[in-house]
Amino acid sequence: FSAVLSMEVLRALLELQQRLAAATVQVPGTGRTVRLQDVCYAPLSPSSPAPADCCVNSVTQYFQNNGTRLAMVATQPYGKGTGTVDWRDHLIYCVNSPLSFKDITALELSCMAEYGAP
């Protein structure tokens, strides 16, 4: 992995996404506040979506937009030894198996997005 796809970049992306998801805009002359969930595509909850229901496609969705999951590290047995698995292993697995509800690493994380789709 290069510096373009590093933990620091993923954390910054996640923080930016969270800030954008929480953003609101006042509609001039109406007194109405518009939020992401008012305008987003939410295929699994179209009638009254929460911000987490909005279809926002991003690499951080492989971690359900969760910083704790992104930071997870686990010990993984390999043959007669052990190694460490982290976000890189999970990402590689999910890119190859995006419909998986649990990866095959010791992290056992889902590849499904926060909004419930691949």
N, C-alpha and C. Protein backbone atom coordinates (compact mmCIF):
# COMPACT_ATOMS: atom_id res chain seq x y z
N PHE A 1 0.83 -1.18 0.00
CA PHE A 1 0.00 0.00 0.00
C PHE A 1 0.88 1.24 0.00
N SER A 2 0.43 2.26 -0.70
CA SER A 2 1.20 3.49 -0.78
C SER A 2 0.63 4.53 0.19
N ALA A 3 1.23 5.70 0.21
CA ALA A 3 0.77 6.78 1.08
C ALA A 3 -0.63 7.26 0.70
N VAL A 4 -1.03 7.01 -0.55
CA VAL A 4 -2.36 7.41 -0.99
C VAL A 4 -3.43 6.63 -0.23
N LEU A 5 -3.14 5.40 0.11
CA LEU A 5 -4.08 4.56 0.85
C LEU A 5 -3.40 4.13 2.14
N SER A 6 -3.41 5.04 3.10
CA SER A 6 -2.78 4.79 4.39
C SER A 6 -3.82 4.98 5.49
N MET A 7 -3.50 4.56 6.68
CA MET A 7 -4.40 4.74 7.82
C MET A 7 -4.72 6.22 8.03
N GLU A 8 -3.72 7.09 7.87
CA GLU A 8 -3.94 8.52 8.06
C GLU A 8 -4.93 9.07 7.05
N VAL A 9 -4.81 8.64 5.79
CA VAL A 9 -5.73 9.09 4.75
C VAL A 9 -7.13 8.57 5.02
N LEU A 10 -7.24 7.31 5.42
CA LEU A 10 -8.56 6.73 5.70
C LEU A 10 -9.22 7.41 6.89
N ARG A 11 -8.45 7.73 7.92
CA ARG A 11 -9.02 8.44 9.08
C ARG A 11 -9.47 9.84 8.69
N ALA A 12 -8.69 10.53 7.87
CA ALA A 12 -9.07 11.87 7.42
C ALA A 12 -10.33 11.80 6.56
N LEU A 13 -10.42 10.80 5.69
CA LEU A 13 -11.60 10.62 4.86
C LEU A 13 -12.83 10.33 5.72
N LEU A 14 -12.67 9.48 6.71
CA LEU A 14 -13.77 9.15 7.61
C LEU A 14 -14.25 10.39 8.37
N GLU A 15 -13.32 11.19 8.86
CA GLU A 15 -13.67 12.41 9.58
C GLU A 15 -14.42 13.39 8.66
N LEU A 16 -13.95 13.53 7.43
CA LEU A 16 -14.61 14.41 6.46
C LEU A 16 -16.02 13.92 6.17
N GLN A 17 -16.17 12.63 5.95
CA GLN A 17 -17.50 12.06 5.69
C GLN A 17 -18.44 12.29 6.86
N GLN A 18 -17.95 12.13 8.07
CA GLN A 18 -18.80 12.34 9.25
C GLN A 18 -19.22 13.80 9.36
N ARG A 19 -18.31 14.71 9.06
CA ARG A 19 -18.65 16.13 9.10
C ARG A 19 -19.68 16.47 8.03
N LEU A 20 -19.51 15.93 6.84
CA LEU A 20 -20.48 16.18 5.76
C LEU A 20 -21.84 15.57 6.08
N ALA A 21 -21.86 14.39 6.66
CA ALA A 21 -23.12 13.73 7.02
C ALA A 21 -23.87 14.53 8.09
N ALA A 22 -23.16 15.25 8.92
CA ALA A 22 -23.79 16.03 9.99
C ALA A 22 -24.13 17.46 9.56
N ALA A 23 -23.72 17.83 8.35
CA ALA A 23 -23.95 19.20 7.89
C ALA A 23 -25.43 19.49 7.68
N THR A 24 -25.80 20.72 7.92
CA THR A 24 -27.17 21.18 7.65
C THR A 24 -27.09 22.48 6.86
N VAL A 25 -28.16 22.76 6.14
CA VAL A 25 -28.24 23.98 5.34
C VAL A 25 -29.61 24.61 5.59
N GLN A 26 -29.62 25.90 5.84
CA GLN A 26 -30.87 26.63 6.00
C GLN A 26 -31.35 27.07 4.62
N VAL A 27 -32.60 26.77 4.29
CA VAL A 27 -33.17 27.19 3.01
C VAL A 27 -33.67 28.62 3.18
N PRO A 28 -33.09 29.56 2.44
CA PRO A 28 -33.47 30.96 2.60
C PRO A 28 -34.98 31.19 2.38
N GLY A 29 -35.55 32.01 3.24
CA GLY A 29 -36.95 32.40 3.10
C GLY A 29 -37.96 31.36 3.55
N THR A 30 -37.52 30.17 3.97
CA THR A 30 -38.48 29.13 4.36
C THR A 30 -38.36 28.75 5.83
N GLY A 31 -37.22 29.04 6.42
CA GLY A 31 -36.99 28.61 7.79
C GLY A 31 -36.75 27.11 7.90
N ARG A 32 -36.58 26.47 6.78
CA ARG A 32 -36.41 25.01 6.76
C ARG A 32 -34.93 24.64 6.77
N THR A 33 -34.61 23.60 7.52
CA THR A 33 -33.26 23.05 7.57
C THR A 33 -33.23 21.77 6.76
N VAL A 34 -32.24 21.65 5.88
CA VAL A 34 -32.09 20.46 5.05
C VAL A 34 -30.86 19.70 5.51
N ARG A 35 -31.02 18.40 5.68
CA ARG A 35 -29.92 17.52 6.11
C ARG A 35 -29.67 16.47 5.03
N LEU A 36 -28.58 15.75 5.16
CA LEU A 36 -28.24 14.71 4.19
C LEU A 36 -29.40 13.74 4.00
N GLN A 37 -29.98 13.26 5.08
CA GLN A 37 -31.04 12.27 4.98
C GLN A 37 -32.30 12.80 4.29
N ASP A 38 -32.41 14.13 4.15
CA ASP A 38 -33.55 14.71 3.42
C ASP A 38 -33.40 14.58 1.91
N VAL A 39 -32.17 14.41 1.44
CA VAL A 39 -31.92 14.41 -0.01
C VAL A 39 -31.18 13.18 -0.52
N CYS A 40 -30.82 12.28 0.36
CA CYS A 40 -29.98 11.15 -0.06
C CYS A 40 -30.79 10.00 -0.64
N TYR A 41 -30.08 9.12 -1.33
CA TYR A 41 -30.64 7.86 -1.81
C TYR A 41 -30.44 6.84 -0.69
N ALA A 42 -31.53 6.33 -0.16
CA ALA A 42 -31.48 5.36 0.94
C ALA A 42 -32.31 4.13 0.52
N PRO A 43 -31.70 3.22 -0.23
CA PRO A 43 -32.46 2.11 -0.82
C PRO A 43 -33.12 1.17 0.18
N LEU A 44 -32.58 1.03 1.37
CA LEU A 44 -33.14 0.08 2.34
C LEU A 44 -34.06 0.75 3.35
N SER A 45 -34.14 2.08 3.31
CA SER A 45 -35.02 2.81 4.23
C SER A 45 -35.46 4.11 3.55
N PRO A 46 -36.20 4.01 2.45
CA PRO A 46 -36.52 5.20 1.67
C PRO A 46 -37.51 6.16 2.32
N SER A 47 -38.37 5.69 3.21
CA SER A 47 -39.41 6.57 3.74
C SER A 47 -38.93 7.54 4.81
N SER A 48 -38.04 7.12 5.70
CA SER A 48 -37.52 8.05 6.70
C SER A 48 -36.10 7.63 7.09
N PRO A 49 -35.15 7.92 6.22
CA PRO A 49 -33.78 7.47 6.47
C PRO A 49 -33.07 8.28 7.56
N ALA A 50 -32.18 7.60 8.25
CA ALA A 50 -31.22 8.23 9.16
C ALA A 50 -29.96 8.47 8.34
N PRO A 51 -29.03 9.29 8.81
CA PRO A 51 -27.79 9.50 8.03
C PRO A 51 -27.08 8.20 7.68
N ALA A 52 -27.10 7.21 8.56
CA ALA A 52 -26.41 5.94 8.30
C ALA A 52 -27.10 5.12 7.21
N ASP A 53 -28.34 5.46 6.87
CA ASP A 53 -29.07 4.74 5.82
C ASP A 53 -28.76 5.26 4.43
N CYS A 54 -28.11 6.40 4.33
CA CYS A 54 -27.81 7.01 3.04
C CYS A 54 -26.70 6.25 2.32
N CYS A 55 -26.91 6.06 1.03
CA CYS A 55 -25.94 5.34 0.21
C CYS A 55 -24.79 6.28 -0.13
N VAL A 56 -23.73 6.18 0.64
CA VAL A 56 -22.52 6.96 0.41
C VAL A 56 -21.41 5.96 0.14
N ASN A 57 -20.98 5.89 -1.12
CA ASN A 57 -19.97 4.89 -1.49
C ASN A 57 -18.57 5.43 -1.25
N SER A 58 -17.84 4.69 -0.45
CA SER A 58 -16.50 5.09 -0.06
C SER A 58 -15.75 3.86 0.43
N VAL A 59 -14.44 3.90 0.38
CA VAL A 59 -13.64 2.79 0.87
C VAL A 59 -13.89 2.56 2.36
N THR A 60 -14.25 3.59 3.10
CA THR A 60 -14.50 3.42 4.53
C THR A 60 -15.78 2.64 4.81
N GLN A 61 -16.61 2.44 3.81
CA GLN A 61 -17.81 1.62 4.00
C GLN A 61 -17.44 0.16 4.27
N TYR A 62 -16.28 -0.29 3.82
CA TYR A 62 -15.85 -1.66 4.13
C TYR A 62 -15.65 -1.84 5.64
N PHE A 63 -15.62 -0.72 6.36
CA PHE A 63 -15.50 -0.72 7.83
C PHE A 63 -16.74 -0.12 8.47
N GLN A 64 -17.83 -0.02 7.71
CA GLN A 64 -19.10 0.54 8.13
C GLN A 64 -18.92 1.96 8.69
N ASN A 65 -17.99 2.69 8.10
CA ASN A 65 -17.70 4.07 8.53
C ASN A 65 -17.44 4.16 10.02
N ASN A 66 -16.74 3.17 10.55
CA ASN A 66 -16.50 3.08 11.98
C ASN A 66 -14.99 3.10 12.24
N GLY A 67 -14.53 4.13 12.92
CA GLY A 67 -13.10 4.28 13.20
C GLY A 67 -12.53 3.17 14.06
N THR A 68 -13.33 2.62 14.97
CA THR A 68 -12.87 1.51 15.82
C THR A 68 -12.61 0.28 14.98
N ARG A 69 -13.50 -0.02 14.04
CA ARG A 69 -13.29 -1.17 13.16
C ARG A 69 -12.08 -0.96 12.25
N LEU A 70 -11.92 0.25 11.78
CA LEU A 70 -10.78 0.57 10.92
C LEU A 70 -9.46 0.35 11.66
N ALA A 71 -9.42 0.62 12.94
CA ALA A 71 -8.19 0.51 13.74
C ALA A 71 -7.94 -0.90 14.29
N MET A 72 -8.85 -1.82 14.07
CA MET A 72 -8.70 -3.16 14.66
C MET A 72 -7.46 -3.89 14.15
N VAL A 73 -6.84 -4.62 15.04
CA VAL A 73 -5.69 -5.47 14.74
C VAL A 73 -5.94 -6.79 15.47
N ALA A 74 -5.61 -7.91 14.82
CA ALA A 74 -5.82 -9.21 15.45
C ALA A 74 -4.66 -10.14 15.11
N THR A 75 -4.47 -11.13 15.97
CA THR A 75 -3.47 -12.16 15.73
C THR A 75 -4.11 -13.25 14.89
N GLN A 76 -3.43 -13.63 13.82
CA GLN A 76 -3.95 -14.62 12.87
C GLN A 76 -2.96 -15.77 12.76
N PRO A 77 -3.42 -17.01 12.98
CA PRO A 77 -2.52 -18.15 12.77
C PRO A 77 -2.27 -18.37 11.28
N TYR A 78 -1.02 -18.62 10.95
CA TYR A 78 -0.60 -18.93 9.57
C TYR A 78 0.27 -20.16 9.61
N GLY A 79 -0.26 -21.29 9.21
CA GLY A 79 0.52 -22.53 9.26
C GLY A 79 0.94 -22.83 10.68
N LYS A 80 2.25 -22.90 10.91
CA LYS A 80 2.77 -23.19 12.26
C LYS A 80 3.10 -21.92 13.03
N GLY A 81 2.91 -20.77 12.42
CA GLY A 81 3.21 -19.52 13.10
C GLY A 81 1.98 -18.65 13.24
N THR A 82 2.22 -17.42 13.64
CA THR A 82 1.14 -16.44 13.75
C THR A 82 1.61 -15.13 13.15
N GLY A 83 0.65 -14.34 12.74
CA GLY A 83 0.94 -13.02 12.20
C GLY A 83 -0.12 -12.05 12.68
N THR A 84 -0.06 -10.86 12.14
CA THR A 84 -1.01 -9.83 12.52
C THR A 84 -1.83 -9.44 11.29
N VAL A 85 -3.14 -9.28 11.48
CA VAL A 85 -4.00 -8.80 10.41
C VAL A 85 -4.57 -7.45 10.82
N ASP A 86 -4.81 -6.59 9.83
CA ASP A 86 -5.34 -5.27 10.12
C ASP A 86 -6.22 -4.80 8.96
N TRP A 87 -6.42 -3.50 8.87
CA TRP A 87 -7.32 -2.93 7.86
C TRP A 87 -6.92 -3.33 6.45
N ARG A 88 -5.64 -3.49 6.18
CA ARG A 88 -5.19 -3.85 4.83
C ARG A 88 -5.72 -5.23 4.42
N ASP A 89 -5.63 -6.19 5.34
CA ASP A 89 -6.10 -7.54 5.06
C ASP A 89 -7.61 -7.56 4.82
N HIS A 90 -8.32 -6.81 5.65
CA HIS A 90 -9.77 -6.74 5.51
C HIS A 90 -10.14 -6.08 4.17
N LEU A 91 -9.46 -5.02 3.82
CA LEU A 91 -9.74 -4.32 2.56
C LEU A 91 -9.49 -5.23 1.36
N ILE A 92 -8.37 -5.93 1.34
CA ILE A 92 -8.07 -6.84 0.24
C ILE A 92 -9.14 -7.92 0.13
N TYR A 93 -9.55 -8.46 1.28
CA TYR A 93 -10.58 -9.49 1.27
C TYR A 93 -11.88 -8.92 0.69
N CYS A 94 -12.30 -7.75 1.13
CA CYS A 94 -13.57 -7.17 0.71
C CYS A 94 -13.58 -6.77 -0.76
N VAL A 95 -12.46 -6.29 -1.26
CA VAL A 95 -12.39 -5.94 -2.68
C VAL A 95 -12.65 -7.20 -3.53
N ASN A 96 -12.20 -8.34 -3.05
CA ASN A 96 -12.40 -9.59 -3.77
C ASN A 96 -13.73 -10.28 -3.45
N SER A 97 -14.33 -9.99 -2.30
CA SER A 97 -15.59 -10.62 -1.87
C SER A 97 -16.50 -9.57 -1.23
N PRO A 98 -17.00 -8.60 -2.01
CA PRO A 98 -17.75 -7.49 -1.43
C PRO A 98 -19.09 -7.88 -0.80
N LEU A 99 -19.61 -9.05 -1.09
CA LEU A 99 -20.90 -9.47 -0.53
C LEU A 99 -20.77 -10.23 0.78
N SER A 100 -19.57 -10.33 1.30
CA SER A 100 -19.33 -11.12 2.51
C SER A 100 -19.84 -10.41 3.77
N PHE A 101 -20.51 -11.18 4.62
CA PHE A 101 -20.95 -10.65 5.90
C PHE A 101 -19.89 -10.84 6.98
N LYS A 102 -18.83 -11.60 6.68
CA LYS A 102 -17.74 -11.80 7.64
C LYS A 102 -16.51 -12.22 6.86
N ASP A 103 -15.42 -11.47 7.01
CA ASP A 103 -14.21 -11.85 6.30
C ASP A 103 -13.58 -13.09 6.93
N ILE A 104 -12.57 -13.64 6.28
CA ILE A 104 -11.95 -14.88 6.77
C ILE A 104 -10.73 -14.61 7.64
N THR A 105 -10.51 -13.34 7.97
CA THR A 105 -9.40 -13.03 8.87
C THR A 105 -9.87 -13.15 10.32
N ALA A 106 -8.96 -13.03 11.23
CA ALA A 106 -9.30 -13.06 12.65
C ALA A 106 -10.09 -11.81 13.06
N LEU A 107 -10.15 -10.80 12.21
CA LEU A 107 -10.95 -9.62 12.50
C LEU A 107 -12.44 -9.93 12.43
N GLU A 108 -12.81 -10.82 11.53
CA GLU A 108 -14.21 -11.25 11.32
C GLU A 108 -15.15 -10.08 11.11
N LEU A 109 -14.73 -9.13 10.29
CA LEU A 109 -15.55 -7.96 9.99
C LEU A 109 -16.39 -8.18 8.74
N SER A 110 -17.51 -7.50 8.66
CA SER A 110 -18.37 -7.55 7.49
C SER A 110 -17.80 -6.64 6.40
N CYS A 111 -18.08 -7.00 5.17
CA CYS A 111 -17.72 -6.15 4.03
C CYS A 111 -18.88 -5.27 3.62
N MET A 112 -20.04 -5.48 4.19
CA MET A 112 -21.23 -4.73 3.81
C MET A 112 -21.13 -3.30 4.34
N ALA A 113 -21.70 -2.38 3.57
CA ALA A 113 -21.67 -0.96 3.93
C ALA A 113 -22.56 -0.67 5.14
N GLU A 114 -22.35 0.46 5.75
CA GLU A 114 -23.14 0.87 6.91
C GLU A 114 -24.63 0.89 6.58
N TYR A 115 -24.97 1.25 5.34
CA TYR A 115 -26.38 1.33 4.96
C TYR A 115 -26.97 -0.03 4.58
N GLY A 116 -26.18 -1.10 4.66
CA GLY A 116 -26.70 -2.46 4.52
C GLY A 116 -26.51 -3.13 3.18
N ALA A 117 -25.93 -2.45 2.23
CA ALA A 117 -25.72 -3.03 0.90
C ALA A 117 -24.21 -3.21 0.66
N PRO A 118 -23.87 -3.93 -0.40
CA PRO A 118 -22.42 -4.09 -0.70
C PRO A 118 -21.80 -2.81 -1.22
